[in-house]
Amino acid sequence: MKKRNFLKTGSAFASFVVLSNLSGCTTAQATNDAEQSAQAASGLKADGSEFEVVKTEAEWREILSPEAYNVLREEGTERPFTSPLNKIYAAGTYSCAGCDLPLYSSETKFDSGTGWPSFYAPLENAVATSVDNSFFMTRTEVHCRRCGGHLGHIFNDGPEPTGERHCLNGVALSFTEA
C-alpha cells in the first residue's frame, strides 16, 4: 500500500473511532451495527437465521422503485412531507412495500407533524427492531420482520396508549383501503 493511501485509510479510521466515541457509540457497537446492516442486506437476521423473504439485489431492484430500494434495502430516508401516505387517514392496512406483509392498522395512525407517516403501534408479529447508532445518536430502527426491509425509527414521544411514535418512510409502505 502506498504511503498516501495508508495515511488516508488511517485518518479515516481514526476519525470514525473518534466520532463514534463522541456519539456515545463504542467502536465495537459501530462495528456490530455495520454487521447488522450488512446481514439484513444479505438476507440474514442478527442471529444468523434467514428472513422468510430473501431476494438478490437485482430482484429487489426489479420490484422496487429506486426510492423504495434506497429506503428498504439501503436504510435511506425519504424527504419529509413527500409521501402521499402521510395524509391518508382512511380505514385500512399499511403493508411492507417489499414483501406485502401487513404491518400497521390505520386505527393506530396519527398526525405527528413530522412529515412522515406515524403510528403508535404495529400489528402483532409484524415488525422487528434493532439499535441504530448512525448520525451520532442512538435510535431504535424498525424493520419488516419478514424481509428485513428498513421502515424507519421508533421514538418515545407518541400518544397513549404506547407513548411510541413509529416514524416511517411512506415509500417503504403500501396502503390497502378497508
C-alpha atoms as a PDB file:
ATOM      1  CA  MET A   1       0.000   0.000   0.000  1.00  0.00           C
ATOM      2  CA  LYS A   2       1.377   3.397  -0.895  1.00  0.00           C
ATOM      3  CA  LYS A   3       2.140   5.763   1.955  1.00  0.00           C
ATOM      4  CA  ARG A   4      -0.518   8.265   0.805  1.00  0.00           C
ATOM      5  CA  ASN A   5      -3.274   5.613   0.725  1.00  0.00           C
ATOM      6  CA  PHE A   6      -2.124   4.245   4.069  1.00  0.00           C
ATOM      7  CA  LEU A   7      -2.365   7.718   5.635  1.00  0.00           C
ATOM      8  CA  LYS A   8      -5.813   8.334   4.125  1.00  0.00           C
ATOM      9  CA  THR A   9      -7.113   4.999   5.375  1.00  0.00           C
ATOM     10  CA  GLY A  10      -5.598   5.533   8.829  1.00  0.00           C
ATOM     11  CA  SER A  11      -7.031   9.041   9.082  1.00  0.00           C
ATOM     12  CA  ALA A  12     -10.485   7.874   8.037  1.00  0.00           C
ATOM     13  CA  PHE A  13     -10.435   5.051  10.589  1.00  0.00           C
ATOM     14  CA  ALA A  14      -9.207   7.358  13.375  1.00  0.00           C
ATOM     15  CA  SER A  15     -11.937   9.882  12.542  1.00  0.00           C
ATOM     16  CA  PHE A  16     -14.530   7.113  12.612  1.00  0.00           C
ATOM     17  CA  VAL A  17     -13.350   5.936  16.037  1.00  0.00           C
ATOM     18  CA  VAL A  18     -13.309   9.477  17.473  1.00  0.00           C
ATOM     19  CA  LEU A  19     -16.732  10.386  16.079  1.00  0.00           C
ATOM     20  CA  SER A  20     -18.191   7.079  17.207  1.00  0.00           C
ATOM     21  CA  ASN A  21     -16.928   7.660  20.721  1.00  0.00           C
ATOM     22  CA  LEU A  22     -18.214  11.244  20.769  1.00  0.00           C
ATOM     23  CA  SER A  23     -21.689   9.983  19.908  1.00  0.00           C
ATOM     24  CA  GLY A  24     -21.643   7.507  22.781  1.00  0.00           C
ATOM     25  CA  CYS A  25     -21.118   4.632  20.378  1.00  0.00           C
ATOM     26  CA  THR A  26     -18.145   2.384  21.007  1.00  0.00           C
ATOM     27  CA  THR A  27     -16.107   1.038  18.115  1.00  0.00           C
ATOM     28  CA  ALA A  28     -17.491  -2.410  18.938  1.00  0.00           C
ATOM     29  CA  GLN A  29     -21.077  -1.064  18.769  1.00  0.00           C
ATOM     30  CA  ALA A  30     -20.417   0.692  15.472  1.00  0.00           C
ATOM     31  CA  THR A  31     -18.868  -2.470  14.044  1.00  0.00           C
ATOM     32  CA  ASN A  32     -21.828  -4.525  15.288  1.00  0.00           C
ATOM     33  CA  ASP A  33     -24.309  -2.061  13.731  1.00  0.00           C
ATOM     34  CA  ALA A  34     -22.444  -2.215  10.411  1.00  0.00           C
ATOM     35  CA  GLU A  35     -22.510  -6.013  10.587  1.00  0.00           C
ATOM     36  CA  GLN A  36     -26.277  -5.994  11.310  1.00  0.00           C
ATOM     37  CA  SER A  37     -26.891  -3.750   8.296  1.00  0.00           C
ATOM     38  CA  ALA A  38     -24.760  -5.989   6.086  1.00  0.00           C
ATOM     39  CA  GLN A  39     -26.585  -9.068   7.372  1.00  0.00           C
ATOM     40  CA  ALA A  40     -30.004  -7.549   6.649  1.00  0.00           C
ATOM     41  CA  ALA A  41     -28.871  -6.640   3.141  1.00  0.00           C
ATOM     42  CA  SER A  42     -27.705 -10.230   2.627  1.00  0.00           C
ATOM     43  CA  GLY A  43     -30.991 -11.701   3.877  1.00  0.00           C
ATOM     44  CA  LEU A  44     -29.746 -12.654   7.335  1.00  0.00           C
ATOM     45  CA  LYS A  45     -31.120 -11.672  10.727  1.00  0.00           C
ATOM     46  CA  ALA A  46     -28.785 -10.603  13.544  1.00  0.00           C
ATOM     47  CA  ASP A  47     -28.923 -14.165  14.919  1.00  0.00           C
ATOM     48  CA  GLY A  48     -27.689 -15.553  11.571  1.00  0.00           C
ATOM     49  CA  SER A  49     -31.010 -17.074  10.510  1.00  0.00           C
ATOM     50  CA  GLU A  50     -32.581 -16.099   7.190  1.00  0.00           C
ATOM     51  CA  PHE A  51     -35.557 -13.810   6.734  1.00  0.00           C
ATOM     52  CA  GLU A  52     -38.626 -15.534   5.288  1.00  0.00           C
ATOM     53  CA  VAL A  53     -38.383 -13.454   2.104  1.00  0.00           C
ATOM     54  CA  VAL A  54     -34.895 -13.316   0.598  1.00  0.00           C
ATOM     55  CA  LYS A  55     -34.083 -11.836  -2.801  1.00  0.00           C
ATOM     56  CA  THR A  56     -30.941 -10.872  -4.655  1.00  0.00           C
ATOM     57  CA  GLU A  57     -30.088  -7.201  -5.084  1.00  0.00           C
ATOM     58  CA  ALA A  58     -31.182  -7.448  -8.730  1.00  0.00           C
ATOM     59  CA  GLU A  59     -34.537  -8.989  -7.748  1.00  0.00           C
ATOM     60  CA  TRP A  60     -35.185  -6.216  -5.183  1.00  0.00           C
ATOM     61  CA  ARG A  61     -34.267  -3.551  -7.726  1.00  0.00           C
ATOM     62  CA  GLU A  62     -36.675  -5.111 -10.225  1.00  0.00           C
ATOM     63  CA  ILE A  63     -39.704  -4.970  -7.909  1.00  0.00           C
ATOM     64  CA  LEU A  64     -38.989  -1.720  -6.018  1.00  0.00           C
ATOM     65  CA  SER A  65     -38.797   1.877  -7.216  1.00  0.00           C
ATOM     66  CA  PRO A  66     -35.342   3.441  -6.805  1.00  0.00           C
ATOM     67  CA  GLU A  67     -36.657   5.437  -3.812  1.00  0.00           C
ATOM     68  CA  ALA A  68     -38.181   2.366  -2.155  1.00  0.00           C
ATOM     69  CA  TYR A  69     -34.991   0.373  -2.780  1.00  0.00           C
ATOM     70  CA  ASN A  70     -32.927   3.115  -1.152  1.00  0.00           C
ATOM     71  CA  VAL A  71     -35.100   3.102   1.970  1.00  0.00           C
ATOM     72  CA  LEU A  72     -35.929  -0.593   2.335  1.00  0.00           C
ATOM     73  CA  ARG A  73     -32.609  -2.137   1.289  1.00  0.00           C
ATOM     74  CA  GLU A  74     -30.063   0.646   1.992  1.00  0.00           C
ATOM     75  CA  GLU A  75     -31.670   2.212   5.087  1.00  0.00           C
ATOM     76  CA  GLY A  76     -32.215   5.549   3.384  1.00  0.00           C
ATOM     77  CA  THR A  77     -34.778   8.181   4.355  1.00  0.00           C
ATOM     78  CA  GLU A  78     -37.283   9.905   2.114  1.00  0.00           C
ATOM     79  CA  ARG A  79     -37.666  13.671   2.349  1.00  0.00           C
ATOM     80  CA  PRO A  80     -40.349  14.759   4.845  1.00  0.00           C
ATOM     81  CA  PHE A  81     -43.792  15.756   3.554  1.00  0.00           C
ATOM     82  CA  THR A  82     -43.227  13.951   0.213  1.00  0.00           C
ATOM     83  CA  SER A  83     -45.222  10.754   0.793  1.00  0.00           C
ATOM     84  CA  PRO A  84     -48.886  10.724  -0.243  1.00  0.00           C
ATOM     85  CA  LEU A  85     -49.430   8.212   2.587  1.00  0.00           C
ATOM     86  CA  ASN A  86     -48.647  10.913   5.137  1.00  0.00           C
ATOM     87  CA  LYS A  87     -52.100  12.475   4.713  1.00  0.00           C
ATOM     88  CA  ILE A  88     -54.198   9.336   4.205  1.00  0.00           C
ATOM     89  CA  TYR A  89     -56.465   8.615   7.176  1.00  0.00           C
ATOM     90  CA  ALA A  90     -58.949   6.215   5.551  1.00  0.00           C
ATOM     91  CA  ALA A  91     -59.596   2.876   7.225  1.00  0.00           C
ATOM     92  CA  GLY A  92     -57.203   0.212   6.013  1.00  0.00           C
ATOM     93  CA  THR A  93     -53.881  -1.547   6.397  1.00  0.00           C
ATOM     94  CA  TYR A  94     -50.326  -0.403   5.718  1.00  0.00           C
ATOM     95  CA  SER A  95     -48.092  -3.204   4.423  1.00  0.00           C
ATOM     96  CA  CYS A  96     -44.402  -3.631   3.589  1.00  0.00           C
ATOM     97  CA  ALA A  97     -43.720  -2.391   0.056  1.00  0.00           C
ATOM     98  CA  GLY A  98     -41.099  -5.129  -0.289  1.00  0.00           C
ATOM     99  CA  CYS A  99     -42.969  -8.276   0.723  1.00  0.00           C
ATOM    100  CA  ASP A 100     -46.579  -7.128   1.297  1.00  0.00           C
ATOM    101  CA  LEU A 101     -46.665  -8.197   4.976  1.00  0.00           C
ATOM    102  CA  PRO A 102     -49.399  -6.237   6.827  1.00  0.00           C
ATOM    103  CA  LEU A 103     -47.572  -4.002   9.330  1.00  0.00           C
ATOM    104  CA  TYR A 104     -49.838  -1.254  10.720  1.00  0.00           C
ATOM    105  CA  SER A 105     -53.557  -0.606  11.039  1.00  0.00           C
ATOM    106  CA  SER A 106     -54.948   2.802  10.151  1.00  0.00           C
ATOM    107  CA  GLU A 107     -56.507   2.753  13.641  1.00  0.00           C
ATOM    108  CA  THR A 108     -53.049   3.429  15.140  1.00  0.00           C
ATOM    109  CA  LYS A 109     -52.057   6.192  12.686  1.00  0.00           C
ATOM    110  CA  PHE A 110     -51.763   9.787  13.888  1.00  0.00           C
ATOM    111  CA  ASP A 111     -50.502  13.134  12.593  1.00  0.00           C
ATOM    112  CA  SER A 112     -47.147  13.657  14.277  1.00  0.00           C
ATOM    113  CA  GLY A 113     -46.396  16.830  12.329  1.00  0.00           C
ATOM    114  CA  THR A 114     -43.004  15.409  11.340  1.00  0.00           C
ATOM    115  CA  GLY A 115     -43.760  14.878   7.658  1.00  0.00           C
ATOM    116  CA  TRP A 116     -43.658  11.083   7.771  1.00  0.00           C
ATOM    117  CA  PRO A 117     -46.490   8.590   8.314  1.00  0.00           C
ATOM    118  CA  SER A 118     -46.600   7.871  12.060  1.00  0.00           C
ATOM    119  CA  PHE A 119     -48.223   5.114  14.096  1.00  0.00           C
ATOM    120  CA  TYR A 120     -48.292   4.385  17.817  1.00  0.00           C
ATOM    121  CA  ALA A 121     -48.270   0.562  17.476  1.00  0.00           C
ATOM    122  CA  PRO A 122     -47.655  -2.112  14.816  1.00  0.00           C
ATOM    123  CA  LEU A 123     -49.785  -5.151  14.124  1.00  0.00           C
ATOM    124  CA  GLU A 124     -48.840  -8.209  16.175  1.00  0.00           C
ATOM    125  CA  ASN A 125     -45.725 -10.054  14.934  1.00  0.00           C
ATOM    126  CA  ALA A 126     -45.244  -7.599  12.059  1.00  0.00           C
ATOM    127  CA  VAL A 127     -42.061  -5.674  12.796  1.00  0.00           C
ATOM    128  CA  ALA A 128     -38.695  -6.189  14.443  1.00  0.00           C
ATOM    129  CA  THR A 129     -36.281  -3.645  15.864  1.00  0.00           C
ATOM    130  CA  SER A 130     -32.555  -3.103  16.159  1.00  0.00           C
ATOM    131  CA  VAL A 131     -30.247  -0.454  17.577  1.00  0.00           C
ATOM    132  CA  ASP A 132     -29.159   2.256  15.121  1.00  0.00           C
ATOM    133  CA  ASN A 133     -26.157   4.341  16.188  1.00  0.00           C
ATOM    134  CA  SER A 134     -25.863   6.376  12.985  1.00  0.00           C
ATOM    135  CA  PHE A 135     -25.812  10.179  12.842  1.00  0.00           C
ATOM    136  CA  PHE A 136     -24.147  10.496  16.258  1.00  0.00           C
ATOM    137  CA  MET A 137     -27.183   9.257  18.207  1.00  0.00           C
ATOM    138  CA  THR A 138     -28.780   6.040  19.355  1.00  0.00           C
ATOM    139  CA  ARG A 139     -32.187   5.269  17.875  1.00  0.00           C
ATOM    140  CA  THR A 140     -34.435   2.245  17.549  1.00  0.00           C
ATOM    141  CA  GLU A 141     -34.696   1.131  13.931  1.00  0.00           C
ATOM    142  CA  VAL A 142     -37.901  -0.611  12.893  1.00  0.00           C
ATOM    143  CA  HIS A 143     -37.927  -3.067  10.026  1.00  0.00           C
ATOM    144  CA  CYS A 144     -40.188  -5.668   8.457  1.00  0.00           C
ATOM    145  CA  ARG A 145     -39.784  -8.923  10.347  1.00  0.00           C
ATOM    146  CA  ARG A 146     -40.374 -10.981   7.166  1.00  0.00           C
ATOM    147  CA  CYS A 147     -37.973  -9.399   4.627  1.00  0.00           C
ATOM    148  CA  GLY A 148     -35.808  -7.195   6.870  1.00  0.00           C
ATOM    149  CA  GLY A 149     -36.698  -4.031   4.950  1.00  0.00           C
ATOM    150  CA  HIS A 150     -35.904  -0.779   6.766  1.00  0.00           C
ATOM    151  CA  LEU A 151     -39.114   1.111   7.572  1.00  0.00           C
ATOM    152  CA  GLY A 152     -37.987   3.966   9.831  1.00  0.00           C
ATOM    153  CA  HIS A 153     -37.418   4.567  13.549  1.00  0.00           C
ATOM    154  CA  ILE A 154     -39.318   4.417  16.829  1.00  0.00           C
ATOM    155  CA  PHE A 155     -39.293   7.351  19.247  1.00  0.00           C
ATOM    156  CA  ASN A 156     -40.766   7.707  22.742  1.00  0.00           C
ATOM    157  CA  ASP A 157     -42.796  10.851  22.063  1.00  0.00           C
ATOM    158  CA  GLY A 158     -46.010   9.351  20.697  1.00  0.00           C
ATOM    159  CA  PRO A 159     -49.563   9.320  22.040  1.00  0.00           C
ATOM    160  CA  GLU A 160     -51.121   6.931  24.528  1.00  0.00           C
ATOM    161  CA  PRO A 161     -51.605   4.055  24.954  1.00  0.00           C
ATOM    162  CA  THR A 162     -47.984   3.189  23.958  1.00  0.00           C
ATOM    163  CA  GLY A 163     -46.231   6.565  24.034  1.00  0.00           C
ATOM    164  CA  GLU A 164     -44.367   5.458  20.896  1.00  0.00           C
ATOM    165  CA  ARG A 165     -44.066   7.153  17.521  1.00  0.00           C
ATOM    166  CA  HIS A 166     -43.213   4.742  14.725  1.00  0.00           C
ATOM    167  CA  CYS A 167     -41.918   7.312  12.242  1.00  0.00           C
ATOM    168  CA  LEU A 168     -41.965   5.536   8.872  1.00  0.00           C
ATOM    169  CA  ASN A 169     -40.931   6.190   5.311  1.00  0.00           C
ATOM    170  CA  GLY A 170     -44.008   6.195   3.081  1.00  0.00           C
ATOM    171  CA  VAL A 171     -42.101   4.605   0.173  1.00  0.00           C
ATOM    172  CA  ALA A 172     -41.484   1.571   2.402  1.00  0.00           C
ATOM    173  CA  LEU A 173     -45.251   1.053   2.724  1.00  0.00           C
ATOM    174  CA  SER A 174     -48.278   0.283   0.599  1.00  0.00           C
ATOM    175  CA  PHE A 175     -51.840   1.069   1.670  1.00  0.00           C
ATOM    176  CA  THR A 176     -54.934  -1.062   1.157  1.00  0.00           C
ATOM    177  CA  GLU A 177     -58.222   0.638   1.975  1.00  0.00           C
ATOM    178  CA  ALA A 178     -60.686  -1.437   4.010  1.00  0.00           C
END
